[in-house]
Amino acid sequence: MRAKARLRRASHAASPTPTMASNSAWVALMLGWVVALVSFLGAMFFSEVMDLEPCVLCWYQRIAMFPLVVILGIGAFLQDRHCIRYGLPLAAAGWLLAGYHWLLYKGFIPKGLQPCGKGASCAEVKLELAGFITIPLLSFAAFSLILLLLVAAHRKFKP
């Protein structure tokens, strides 16, 4: 009987307790989800309310961003840190696409290298706020922030 009691005490002592590091990791994960959700709502606003037709690169960025809303939302709600491993590749792919799109907008990449054929042009500036904020720049900033938050959360979860 005493051996069982000692074993129970030892197992309780070894069980993980929430620490400040893991709490800040959950906050980072939740903030990543909020950024993904705001990006999703912004993309829907631009296409459905403002009637801006998305180009091919915009669609690819949406393909990377939209699942992040679900993956990070479920991961944060269920406190499943493994959602980071699924979110990081999507965020990295979206970041690369948004960076390429922004460089194409700014003229650093020749228009002959754009993947757009029919439909909206990937190099045409459709919306510009404050003289320099474009849709690809907003997407690049969102993916950058999500990447930083996911990497920070991943580092906080490590023992």
N, C-alpha and C. Protein backbone atom coordinates (compact mmCIF):
# COMPACT_ATOMS: atom_id res chain seq x y z
N MET A 1 0.82 -1.19 0.00
CA MET A 1 0.00 0.00 0.00
C MET A 1 0.86 1.25 0.00
N ARG A 2 1.92 1.25 0.80
CA ARG A 2 2.81 2.40 0.86
C ARG A 2 3.52 2.62 -0.48
N ALA A 3 3.85 1.53 -1.14
CA ALA A 3 4.52 1.64 -2.44
C ALA A 3 3.61 2.32 -3.46
N LYS A 4 2.31 2.00 -3.43
CA LYS A 4 1.38 2.64 -4.35
C LYS A 4 1.25 4.13 -4.05
N ALA A 5 1.21 4.48 -2.80
CA ALA A 5 1.10 5.89 -2.43
C ALA A 5 2.35 6.65 -2.87
N ARG A 6 3.54 6.06 -2.68
CA ARG A 6 4.76 6.71 -3.12
C ARG A 6 4.78 6.86 -4.64
N LEU A 7 4.31 5.84 -5.34
CA LEU A 7 4.26 5.88 -6.79
C LEU A 7 3.32 6.98 -7.27
N ARG A 8 2.16 7.13 -6.62
CA ARG A 8 1.23 8.19 -6.97
C ARG A 8 1.83 9.56 -6.74
N ARG A 9 2.52 9.75 -5.60
CA ARG A 9 3.15 11.04 -5.32
C ARG A 9 4.23 11.34 -6.34
N ALA A 10 4.99 10.34 -6.72
CA ALA A 10 6.05 10.54 -7.70
C ALA A 10 5.47 10.89 -9.07
N SER A 11 4.37 10.27 -9.44
CA SER A 11 3.78 10.57 -10.75
C SER A 11 3.19 11.97 -10.76
N HIS A 12 2.62 12.41 -9.63
CA HIS A 12 2.10 13.78 -9.56
C HIS A 12 3.22 14.80 -9.60
N ALA A 13 4.34 14.48 -8.98
CA ALA A 13 5.47 15.40 -8.99
C ALA A 13 6.07 15.51 -10.39
N ALA A 14 5.99 14.45 -11.19
CA ALA A 14 6.57 14.46 -12.52
C ALA A 14 5.61 15.03 -13.56
N SER A 15 4.35 15.20 -13.21
CA SER A 15 3.40 15.71 -14.20
C SER A 15 3.69 17.17 -14.50
N PRO A 16 3.51 17.55 -15.76
CA PRO A 16 3.84 18.92 -16.13
C PRO A 16 2.85 19.91 -15.52
N THR A 17 3.38 20.97 -15.00
CA THR A 17 2.54 22.04 -14.47
C THR A 17 2.67 23.23 -15.40
N PRO A 18 1.61 23.99 -15.55
CA PRO A 18 1.71 25.14 -16.43
C PRO A 18 2.74 26.14 -15.91
N THR A 19 3.60 26.56 -16.79
CA THR A 19 4.62 27.53 -16.42
C THR A 19 4.38 28.80 -17.18
N MET A 20 5.15 29.82 -16.84
CA MET A 20 5.03 31.09 -17.53
C MET A 20 5.40 30.93 -19.00
N ALA A 21 6.40 30.06 -19.30
CA ALA A 21 6.82 29.84 -20.68
C ALA A 21 5.69 29.23 -21.50
N SER A 22 5.01 28.23 -20.96
CA SER A 22 3.94 27.60 -21.73
C SER A 22 2.73 28.54 -21.86
N ASN A 23 2.49 29.37 -20.85
CA ASN A 23 1.39 30.35 -20.96
C ASN A 23 1.67 31.35 -22.06
N SER A 24 2.91 31.83 -22.15
CA SER A 24 3.23 32.77 -23.22
C SER A 24 3.21 32.08 -24.58
N ALA A 25 3.49 30.79 -24.62
CA ALA A 25 3.40 30.05 -25.87
C ALA A 25 1.94 29.97 -26.34
N TRP A 26 1.01 29.75 -25.40
CA TRP A 26 -0.41 29.72 -25.78
C TRP A 26 -0.88 31.09 -26.24
N VAL A 27 -0.37 32.13 -25.62
CA VAL A 27 -0.73 33.49 -26.04
C VAL A 27 -0.23 33.74 -27.46
N ALA A 28 1.01 33.32 -27.76
CA ALA A 28 1.56 33.48 -29.10
C ALA A 28 0.74 32.69 -30.12
N LEU A 29 0.34 31.50 -29.74
CA LEU A 29 -0.48 30.67 -30.64
C LEU A 29 -1.84 31.32 -30.88
N MET A 30 -2.45 31.84 -29.83
CA MET A 30 -3.74 32.50 -29.97
C MET A 30 -3.62 33.77 -30.82
N LEU A 31 -2.54 34.53 -30.63
CA LEU A 31 -2.34 35.73 -31.45
C LEU A 31 -2.13 35.37 -32.92
N GLY A 32 -1.43 34.26 -33.18
CA GLY A 32 -1.27 33.79 -34.55
C GLY A 32 -2.62 33.47 -35.18
N TRP A 33 -3.50 32.85 -34.39
CA TRP A 33 -4.84 32.55 -34.89
C TRP A 33 -5.60 33.85 -35.18
N VAL A 34 -5.48 34.84 -34.32
CA VAL A 34 -6.18 36.11 -34.52
C VAL A 34 -5.69 36.78 -35.81
N VAL A 35 -4.38 36.77 -36.06
CA VAL A 35 -3.84 37.36 -37.29
C VAL A 35 -4.38 36.61 -38.51
N ALA A 36 -4.42 35.29 -38.44
CA ALA A 36 -4.95 34.49 -39.56
C ALA A 36 -6.44 34.79 -39.78
N LEU A 37 -7.20 34.92 -38.70
CA LEU A 37 -8.63 35.22 -38.81
C LEU A 37 -8.87 36.60 -39.40
N VAL A 38 -8.12 37.59 -38.96
CA VAL A 38 -8.26 38.95 -39.50
C VAL A 38 -7.87 38.96 -40.98
N SER A 39 -6.84 38.21 -41.34
CA SER A 39 -6.42 38.12 -42.74
C SER A 39 -7.51 37.47 -43.59
N PHE A 40 -8.12 36.41 -43.07
CA PHE A 40 -9.22 35.75 -43.77
C PHE A 40 -10.38 36.73 -43.99
N LEU A 41 -10.76 37.43 -42.93
CA LEU A 41 -11.87 38.37 -43.03
C LEU A 41 -11.52 39.53 -43.98
N GLY A 42 -10.26 39.97 -43.96
CA GLY A 42 -9.82 41.03 -44.87
C GLY A 42 -9.88 40.58 -46.32
N ALA A 43 -9.44 39.36 -46.59
CA ALA A 43 -9.48 38.83 -47.96
C ALA A 43 -10.92 38.72 -48.44
N MET A 44 -11.81 38.27 -47.57
CA MET A 44 -13.22 38.18 -47.95
C MET A 44 -13.81 39.57 -48.18
N PHE A 45 -13.41 40.54 -47.37
CA PHE A 45 -13.89 41.92 -47.55
C PHE A 45 -13.44 42.48 -48.90
N PHE A 46 -12.16 42.29 -49.22
CA PHE A 46 -11.64 42.82 -50.49
C PHE A 46 -12.34 42.20 -51.69
N SER A 47 -12.60 40.90 -51.63
CA SER A 47 -13.18 40.26 -52.81
C SER A 47 -14.70 40.35 -52.85
N GLU A 48 -15.37 40.24 -51.72
CA GLU A 48 -16.84 40.20 -51.73
C GLU A 48 -17.49 41.56 -51.56
N VAL A 49 -16.90 42.44 -50.75
CA VAL A 49 -17.52 43.75 -50.51
C VAL A 49 -16.96 44.79 -51.48
N MET A 50 -15.62 44.83 -51.60
CA MET A 50 -15.01 45.83 -52.48
C MET A 50 -14.97 45.35 -53.94
N ASP A 51 -15.34 44.11 -54.17
CA ASP A 51 -15.43 43.53 -55.51
C ASP A 51 -14.10 43.56 -56.27
N LEU A 52 -12.99 43.32 -55.55
CA LEU A 52 -11.67 43.22 -56.18
C LEU A 52 -11.42 41.76 -56.54
N GLU A 53 -11.19 41.51 -57.82
CA GLU A 53 -10.96 40.13 -58.26
C GLU A 53 -9.54 39.70 -57.87
N PRO A 54 -9.40 38.59 -57.14
CA PRO A 54 -8.06 38.13 -56.76
C PRO A 54 -7.32 37.53 -57.96
N CYS A 55 -6.02 37.80 -58.02
CA CYS A 55 -5.19 37.23 -59.07
C CYS A 55 -4.75 35.83 -58.67
N VAL A 56 -3.97 35.18 -59.51
CA VAL A 56 -3.52 33.82 -59.24
C VAL A 56 -2.68 33.76 -57.97
N LEU A 57 -1.75 34.70 -57.81
CA LEU A 57 -0.91 34.70 -56.61
C LEU A 57 -1.73 34.96 -55.35
N CYS A 58 -2.76 35.78 -55.46
CA CYS A 58 -3.64 36.01 -54.31
C CYS A 58 -4.36 34.72 -53.93
N TRP A 59 -4.78 33.95 -54.93
CA TRP A 59 -5.45 32.68 -54.64
C TRP A 59 -4.49 31.71 -53.94
N TYR A 60 -3.25 31.66 -54.40
CA TYR A 60 -2.28 30.77 -53.76
C TYR A 60 -2.03 31.18 -52.31
N GLN A 61 -1.98 32.49 -52.06
CA GLN A 61 -1.80 32.96 -50.69
C GLN A 61 -3.01 32.63 -49.83
N ARG A 62 -4.19 32.70 -50.41
CA ARG A 62 -5.40 32.31 -49.68
C ARG A 62 -5.38 30.82 -49.35
N ILE A 63 -4.87 30.02 -50.29
CA ILE A 63 -4.77 28.58 -50.05
C ILE A 63 -3.87 28.31 -48.85
N ALA A 64 -2.86 29.15 -48.64
CA ALA A 64 -1.97 28.98 -47.49
C ALA A 64 -2.57 29.58 -46.21
N MET A 65 -3.32 30.67 -46.34
CA MET A 65 -3.82 31.38 -45.15
C MET A 65 -5.09 30.77 -44.57
N PHE A 66 -6.04 30.41 -45.40
CA PHE A 66 -7.34 29.98 -44.91
C PHE A 66 -7.28 28.75 -44.00
N PRO A 67 -6.47 27.73 -44.33
CA PRO A 67 -6.39 26.59 -43.40
C PRO A 67 -5.76 26.96 -42.06
N LEU A 68 -4.93 28.01 -42.04
CA LEU A 68 -4.32 28.43 -40.78
C LEU A 68 -5.37 28.87 -39.77
N VAL A 69 -6.46 29.44 -40.26
CA VAL A 69 -7.54 29.86 -39.35
C VAL A 69 -8.09 28.64 -38.61
N VAL A 70 -8.29 27.56 -39.32
CA VAL A 70 -8.85 26.34 -38.72
C VAL A 70 -7.80 25.63 -37.86
N ILE A 71 -6.61 25.44 -38.42
CA ILE A 71 -5.56 24.69 -37.72
C ILE A 71 -5.16 25.38 -36.42
N LEU A 72 -4.87 26.67 -36.48
CA LEU A 72 -4.44 27.39 -35.28
C LEU A 72 -5.59 27.59 -34.31
N GLY A 73 -6.80 27.78 -34.84
CA GLY A 73 -7.97 27.93 -33.96
C GLY A 73 -8.25 26.68 -33.17
N ILE A 74 -8.24 25.53 -33.83
CA ILE A 74 -8.48 24.27 -33.13
C ILE A 74 -7.33 23.97 -32.17
N GLY A 75 -6.10 24.21 -32.64
CA GLY A 75 -4.93 23.97 -31.78
C GLY A 75 -4.95 24.83 -30.52
N ALA A 76 -5.31 26.09 -30.66
CA ALA A 76 -5.37 26.98 -29.49
C ALA A 76 -6.53 26.59 -28.58
N PHE A 77 -7.67 26.24 -29.16
CA PHE A 77 -8.83 25.88 -28.35
C PHE A 77 -8.59 24.58 -27.57
N LEU A 78 -8.01 23.59 -28.24
CA LEU A 78 -7.76 22.30 -27.59
C LEU A 78 -6.41 22.25 -26.87
N GLN A 79 -5.67 23.34 -26.94
CA GLN A 79 -4.33 23.43 -26.36
C GLN A 79 -3.45 22.28 -26.85
N ASP A 80 -3.45 22.12 -28.16
CA ASP A 80 -2.64 21.09 -28.82
C ASP A 80 -1.46 21.77 -29.49
N ARG A 81 -0.30 21.64 -28.91
CA ARG A 81 0.88 22.33 -29.43
C ARG A 81 1.34 21.76 -30.76
N HIS A 82 0.84 20.60 -31.14
CA HIS A 82 1.25 19.97 -32.39
C HIS A 82 0.70 20.71 -33.61
N CYS A 83 -0.25 21.61 -33.40
CA CYS A 83 -0.77 22.39 -34.53
C CYS A 83 0.32 23.28 -35.12
N ILE A 84 1.35 23.58 -34.33
CA ILE A 84 2.44 24.41 -34.82
C ILE A 84 3.15 23.71 -35.97
N ARG A 85 3.33 22.41 -35.86
CA ARG A 85 4.04 21.66 -36.91
C ARG A 85 3.25 21.66 -38.22
N TYR A 86 1.94 21.83 -38.15
CA TYR A 86 1.14 21.89 -39.37
C TYR A 86 1.01 23.32 -39.88
N GLY A 87 1.06 24.27 -38.98
CA GLY A 87 0.92 25.66 -39.37
C GLY A 87 2.19 26.28 -39.95
N LEU A 88 3.34 25.86 -39.46
CA LEU A 88 4.60 26.45 -39.94
C LEU A 88 4.83 26.28 -41.44
N PRO A 89 4.66 25.09 -42.02
CA PRO A 89 4.88 24.99 -43.47
C PRO A 89 3.90 25.82 -44.29
N LEU A 90 2.65 25.90 -43.86
CA LEU A 90 1.68 26.73 -44.57
C LEU A 90 2.05 28.21 -44.49
N ALA A 91 2.44 28.65 -43.30
CA ALA A 91 2.83 30.05 -43.12
C ALA A 91 4.09 30.37 -43.92
N ALA A 92 5.04 29.46 -43.97
CA ALA A 92 6.27 29.68 -44.74
C ALA A 92 5.98 29.75 -46.24
N ALA A 93 5.13 28.86 -46.72
CA ALA A 93 4.76 28.88 -48.15
C ALA A 93 4.03 30.18 -48.49
N GLY A 94 3.11 30.59 -47.65
CA GLY A 94 2.40 31.84 -47.87
C GLY A 94 3.32 33.04 -47.82
N TRP A 95 4.30 33.00 -46.91
CA TRP A 95 5.26 34.09 -46.78
C TRP A 95 6.09 34.23 -48.06
N LEU A 96 6.53 33.10 -48.61
CA LEU A 96 7.30 33.13 -49.87
C LEU A 96 6.46 33.66 -51.02
N LEU A 97 5.22 33.19 -51.12
CA LEU A 97 4.32 33.66 -52.18
C LEU A 97 4.03 35.16 -52.04
N ALA A 98 3.76 35.61 -50.82
CA ALA A 98 3.46 37.02 -50.60
C ALA A 98 4.68 37.89 -50.88
N GLY A 99 5.86 37.41 -50.50
CA GLY A 99 7.09 38.15 -50.80
C GLY A 99 7.32 38.27 -52.29
N TYR A 100 7.14 37.17 -53.02
CA TYR A 100 7.27 37.19 -54.48
C TYR A 100 6.25 38.15 -55.09
N HIS A 101 5.02 38.10 -54.61
CA HIS A 101 3.96 38.96 -55.13
C HIS A 101 4.28 40.44 -54.86
N TRP A 102 4.76 40.74 -53.68
CA TRP A 102 5.09 42.12 -53.34
C TRP A 102 6.25 42.62 -54.21
N LEU A 103 7.27 41.77 -54.42
CA LEU A 103 8.39 42.16 -55.28
C LEU A 103 7.92 42.37 -56.72
N LEU A 104 6.96 41.59 -57.16
CA LEU A 104 6.38 41.75 -58.49
C LEU A 104 5.62 43.08 -58.58
N TYR A 105 4.88 43.42 -57.55
CA TYR A 105 4.16 44.70 -57.48
C TYR A 105 5.11 45.87 -57.55
N LYS A 106 6.23 45.77 -56.82
CA LYS A 106 7.18 46.87 -56.74
C LYS A 106 8.07 46.99 -57.97
N GLY A 107 8.03 46.02 -58.87
CA GLY A 107 8.80 46.08 -60.10
C GLY A 107 10.19 45.46 -60.00
N PHE A 108 10.50 44.81 -58.90
CA PHE A 108 11.79 44.15 -58.76
C PHE A 108 11.87 42.87 -59.59
N ILE A 109 10.73 42.28 -59.86
CA ILE A 109 10.65 41.07 -60.68
C ILE A 109 9.95 41.47 -61.98
N PRO A 110 10.54 41.11 -63.13
CA PRO A 110 9.93 41.50 -64.42
C PRO A 110 8.51 40.93 -64.57
N LYS A 111 7.66 41.72 -65.21
CA LYS A 111 6.26 41.30 -65.39
C LYS A 111 6.14 40.05 -66.24
N GLY A 112 7.17 39.73 -67.02
CA GLY A 112 7.16 38.51 -67.82
C GLY A 112 7.23 37.25 -66.98
N LEU A 113 7.66 37.38 -65.72
CA LEU A 113 7.76 36.23 -64.82
C LEU A 113 6.53 36.04 -63.94
N GLN A 114 5.48 36.80 -64.21
CA GLN A 114 4.28 36.63 -63.39
C GLN A 114 3.50 35.41 -63.84
N PRO A 115 2.92 34.67 -62.91
CA PRO A 115 2.21 33.45 -63.26
C PRO A 115 0.80 33.68 -63.78
N CYS A 116 0.39 34.93 -63.85
CA CYS A 116 -0.99 35.22 -64.25
C CYS A 116 -1.14 35.12 -65.76
N GLY A 117 -2.24 34.55 -66.14
CA GLY A 117 -2.58 34.45 -67.56
C GLY A 117 -3.87 35.18 -67.80
N LYS A 118 -4.96 34.47 -67.64
CA LYS A 118 -6.28 35.07 -67.79
C LYS A 118 -6.70 35.67 -66.45
N GLY A 119 -7.61 36.61 -66.52
CA GLY A 119 -8.13 37.19 -65.28
C GLY A 119 -7.31 38.37 -64.81
N ALA A 120 -7.32 38.59 -63.51
CA ALA A 120 -6.66 39.74 -62.92
C ALA A 120 -5.14 39.61 -63.03
N SER A 121 -4.49 40.73 -63.25
CA SER A 121 -3.03 40.76 -63.35
C SER A 121 -2.42 40.74 -61.96
N CYS A 122 -1.34 40.00 -61.83
CA CYS A 122 -0.65 39.92 -60.53
C CYS A 122 0.20 41.16 -60.27
N ALA A 123 0.52 41.93 -61.30
CA ALA A 123 1.39 43.09 -61.14
C ALA A 123 0.61 44.41 -61.10
N GLU A 124 -0.67 44.36 -61.35
CA GLU A 124 -1.48 45.58 -61.36
C GLU A 124 -1.86 45.98 -59.93
N VAL A 125 -1.56 47.23 -59.60
CA VAL A 125 -1.90 47.74 -58.26
C VAL A 125 -3.38 48.08 -58.25
N LYS A 126 -4.14 47.38 -57.41
CA LYS A 126 -5.59 47.58 -57.34
C LYS A 126 -6.00 48.45 -56.16
N LEU A 127 -5.19 48.42 -55.13
CA LEU A 127 -5.51 49.16 -53.91
C LEU A 127 -4.21 49.59 -53.26
N GLU A 128 -4.14 50.88 -52.92
CA GLU A 128 -2.93 51.37 -52.26
C GLU A 128 -3.36 52.34 -51.16
N LEU A 129 -3.01 52.01 -49.94
CA LEU A 129 -3.36 52.84 -48.79
C LEU A 129 -2.11 53.60 -48.33
N ALA A 130 -2.28 54.85 -48.00
CA ALA A 130 -1.20 55.70 -47.49
C ALA A 130 -0.02 55.78 -48.46
N GLY A 131 -0.26 55.50 -49.72
CA GLY A 131 0.78 55.64 -50.72
C GLY A 131 1.74 54.47 -50.87
N PHE A 132 1.69 53.49 -49.97
CA PHE A 132 2.64 52.38 -50.08
C PHE A 132 2.08 51.04 -49.60
N ILE A 133 0.99 51.02 -48.89
CA ILE A 133 0.44 49.77 -48.36
C ILE A 133 -0.45 49.13 -49.42
N THR A 134 -0.02 47.97 -49.91
CA THR A 134 -0.76 47.24 -50.93
C THR A 134 -1.26 45.92 -50.34
N ILE A 135 -2.11 45.24 -51.08
CA ILE A 135 -2.63 43.96 -50.61
C ILE A 135 -1.51 42.93 -50.43
N PRO A 136 -0.56 42.81 -51.38
CA PRO A 136 0.54 41.86 -51.15
C PRO A 136 1.40 42.22 -49.93
N LEU A 137 1.57 43.51 -49.66
CA LEU A 137 2.33 43.92 -48.47
C LEU A 137 1.58 43.54 -47.20
N LEU A 138 0.26 43.70 -47.19
CA LEU A 138 -0.54 43.28 -46.04
C LEU A 138 -0.43 41.78 -45.82
N SER A 139 -0.47 41.02 -46.92
CA SER A 139 -0.35 39.57 -46.83
C SER A 139 1.04 39.17 -46.33
N PHE A 140 2.07 39.83 -46.85
CA PHE A 140 3.44 39.54 -46.42
C PHE A 140 3.61 39.83 -44.93
N ALA A 141 3.05 40.95 -44.48
CA ALA A 141 3.13 41.31 -43.05
C ALA A 141 2.39 40.29 -42.19
N ALA A 142 1.21 39.84 -42.65
CA ALA A 142 0.44 38.87 -41.88
C ALA A 142 1.18 37.54 -41.78
N PHE A 143 1.70 37.05 -42.89
CA PHE A 143 2.44 35.79 -42.86
C PHE A 143 3.72 35.92 -42.02
N SER A 144 4.38 37.07 -42.10
CA SER A 144 5.58 37.29 -41.28
C SER A 144 5.25 37.23 -39.80
N LEU A 145 4.18 37.90 -39.42
CA LEU A 145 3.77 37.92 -38.01
C LEU A 145 3.37 36.52 -37.54
N ILE A 146 2.63 35.79 -38.36
CA ILE A 146 2.24 34.42 -38.00
C ILE A 146 3.47 33.54 -37.84
N LEU A 147 4.42 33.65 -38.77
CA LEU A 147 5.65 32.87 -38.67
C LEU A 147 6.40 33.18 -37.38
N LEU A 148 6.55 34.46 -37.07
CA LEU A 148 7.26 34.85 -35.84
C LEU A 148 6.55 34.31 -34.60
N LEU A 149 5.23 34.40 -34.57
CA LEU A 149 4.47 33.92 -33.41
C LEU A 149 4.55 32.40 -33.28
N LEU A 150 4.50 31.68 -34.40
CA LEU A 150 4.59 30.22 -34.34
C LEU A 150 5.98 29.76 -33.92
N VAL A 151 7.00 30.43 -34.42
CA VAL A 151 8.38 30.08 -34.01
C VAL A 151 8.57 30.38 -32.52
N ALA A 152 8.05 31.52 -32.07
CA ALA A 152 8.14 31.85 -30.64
C ALA A 152 7.41 30.83 -29.79
N ALA A 153 6.22 30.43 -30.21
CA ALA A 153 5.47 29.41 -29.46
C ALA A 153 6.21 28.09 -29.45
N HIS A 154 6.79 27.73 -30.58
CA HIS A 154 7.54 26.46 -30.66
C HIS A 154 8.74 26.48 -29.71
N ARG A 155 9.43 27.58 -29.66
CA ARG A 155 10.59 27.68 -28.75
C ARG A 155 10.19 27.66 -27.29
N LYS A 156 9.04 28.23 -26.96
CA LYS A 156 8.58 28.25 -25.56
C LYS A 156 8.14 26.87 -25.11
N PHE A 157 7.64 26.05 -26.04
CA PHE A 157 7.20 24.71 -25.67
C PHE A 157 8.36 23.75 -25.46
N LYS A 158 9.51 24.05 -26.04
CA LYS A 158 10.65 23.15 -25.88
C LYS A 158 11.10 23.15 -24.43
N PRO A 159 11.50 21.96 -23.91
CA PRO A 159 11.91 21.89 -22.50
C PRO A 159 13.24 22.56 -22.25
